[in-house]
Each structure stands twice: as structure tokens, then as C-alpha cells.
């Protein structure tokens, strides 16, 4: 798998930076409150058959 010499290389440093950026994005995006839009009321009358 990966060893210390890989993480000392430029490619390894880029991999670490990419992992850190993805983790930061996940943390920041989980802080955003997702609000559901209010449902639009129906413009027609509903008739129920008993």
C-alpha cells in the first residue's frame, strides 16, 4: 500500500492535500442547513366521492 516514502514525494503531498480538501468540504457542507421548499397549494378544488 502506501509507505512513508510515497507521502514524502510530490504525488504523496498532493494526495494528502486532496484528502484534506475533501474532508474540509464535507465538514463545511454538513453545516449548511437544507430547508425544504414550502409546497405550493393546489389551485383546484378536490372532490371526494363518499
C-alpha atoms as a PDB file:
ATOM      1  CA  UNK A   1       0.000   0.000   0.000  1.00  0.00           C
ATOM      2  CA  UNK A   2       1.366   3.469   0.768  1.00  0.00           C
ATOM      3  CA  UNK A   3       4.534   3.947   2.757  1.00  0.00           C
ATOM      4  CA  UNK A   4       6.397   6.935   4.158  1.00  0.00           C
ATOM      5  CA  UNK A   5       8.439   7.495   1.013  1.00  0.00           C
ATOM      6  CA  UNK A   6       5.234   7.896  -1.006  1.00  0.00           C
ATOM      7  CA  UNK A   7       3.919  10.622   1.278  1.00  0.00           C
ATOM      8  CA  UNK A   8       7.269  12.423   1.065  1.00  0.00           C
ATOM      9  CA  UNK A   9       7.020  12.634  -2.728  1.00  0.00           C
ATOM     10  CA  UNK A  10       5.201  15.394  -4.605  1.00  0.00           C
ATOM     11  CA  UNK A  11       2.434  12.988  -5.572  1.00  0.00           C
ATOM     12  CA  UNK A  12       2.005  11.951  -1.940  1.00  0.00           C
ATOM     13  CA  UNK A  13       1.856  15.574  -0.812  1.00  0.00           C
ATOM     14  CA  UNK A  14      -0.791  16.245  -3.452  1.00  0.00           C
ATOM     15  CA  UNK A  15      -2.757  13.210  -2.244  1.00  0.00           C
ATOM     16  CA  UNK A  16      -2.672  14.483   1.337  1.00  0.00           C
ATOM     17  CA  UNK A  17      -3.798  17.943   0.200  1.00  0.00           C
ATOM     18  CA  UNK A  18      -6.632  16.411  -1.815  1.00  0.00           C
ATOM     19  CA  UNK A  19      -7.810  14.304   1.129  1.00  0.00           C
ATOM     20  CA  UNK A  20      -7.709  17.343   3.408  1.00  0.00           C
ATOM     21  CA  UNK A  21      -9.685  19.428   0.892  1.00  0.00           C
ATOM     22  CA  UNK A  22     -12.358  16.731   0.541  1.00  0.00           C
ATOM     23  CA  UNK A  23     -12.662  16.354   4.307  1.00  0.00           C
ATOM     24  CA  UNK A  24     -12.963  20.133   4.696  1.00  0.00           C
ATOM     25  CA  UNK A  25     -15.656  20.237   2.008  1.00  0.00           C
ATOM     26  CA  UNK A  26     -17.655  17.508   3.758  1.00  0.00           C
ATOM     27  CA  UNK A  27     -17.440  19.295   7.099  1.00  0.00           C
ATOM     28  CA  UNK A  28     -18.436  22.656   5.639  1.00  0.00           C
ATOM     29  CA  UNK A  29     -21.245  21.257   3.519  1.00  0.00           C
ATOM     30  CA  UNK A  30     -22.731  19.447   6.507  1.00  0.00           C
ATOM     31  CA  UNK A  31     -23.023  22.814   8.274  1.00  0.00           C
ATOM     32  CA  UNK A  32     -25.385  24.170   5.608  1.00  0.00           C
ATOM     33  CA  UNK A  33     -28.996  23.807   6.707  1.00  0.00           C
ATOM     34  CA  UNK A  34     -31.064  22.347   3.912  1.00  0.00           C
ATOM     35  CA  UNK A  35     -34.559  23.764   4.042  1.00  0.00           C
ATOM     36  CA  UNK A  36     -37.317  22.147   2.073  1.00  0.00           C
ATOM     37  CA  UNK A  37     -39.368  24.486  -0.074  1.00  0.00           C
ATOM     38  CA  UNK A  38     -42.914  25.118   1.026  1.00  0.00           C
ATOM     39  CA  UNK A  39     -45.376  23.118  -1.031  1.00  0.00           C
ATOM     40  CA  UNK A  40     -47.478  25.091  -3.458  1.00  0.00           C
ATOM     41  CA  UNK A  41     -51.164  24.911  -2.661  1.00  0.00           C
ATOM     42  CA  UNK A  42     -53.296  23.250  -5.273  1.00  0.00           C
ATOM     43  CA  UNK A  43     -55.161  25.719  -7.460  1.00  0.00           C
ATOM     44  CA  UNK A  44     -58.142  23.414  -7.922  1.00  0.00           C
ATOM     45  CA  UNK A  45     -60.702  22.005  -5.536  1.00  0.00           C
ATOM     46  CA  UNK A  46     -60.535  18.360  -4.686  1.00  0.00           C
ATOM     47  CA  UNK A  47     -63.800  16.455  -4.633  1.00  0.00           C
ATOM     48  CA  UNK A  48     -64.117  13.288  -2.630  1.00  0.00           C
ATOM     49  CA  UNK A  49     -66.649  10.677  -3.530  1.00  0.00           C
ATOM     50  CA  UNK A  50     -68.165   9.087  -0.460  1.00  0.00           C
END
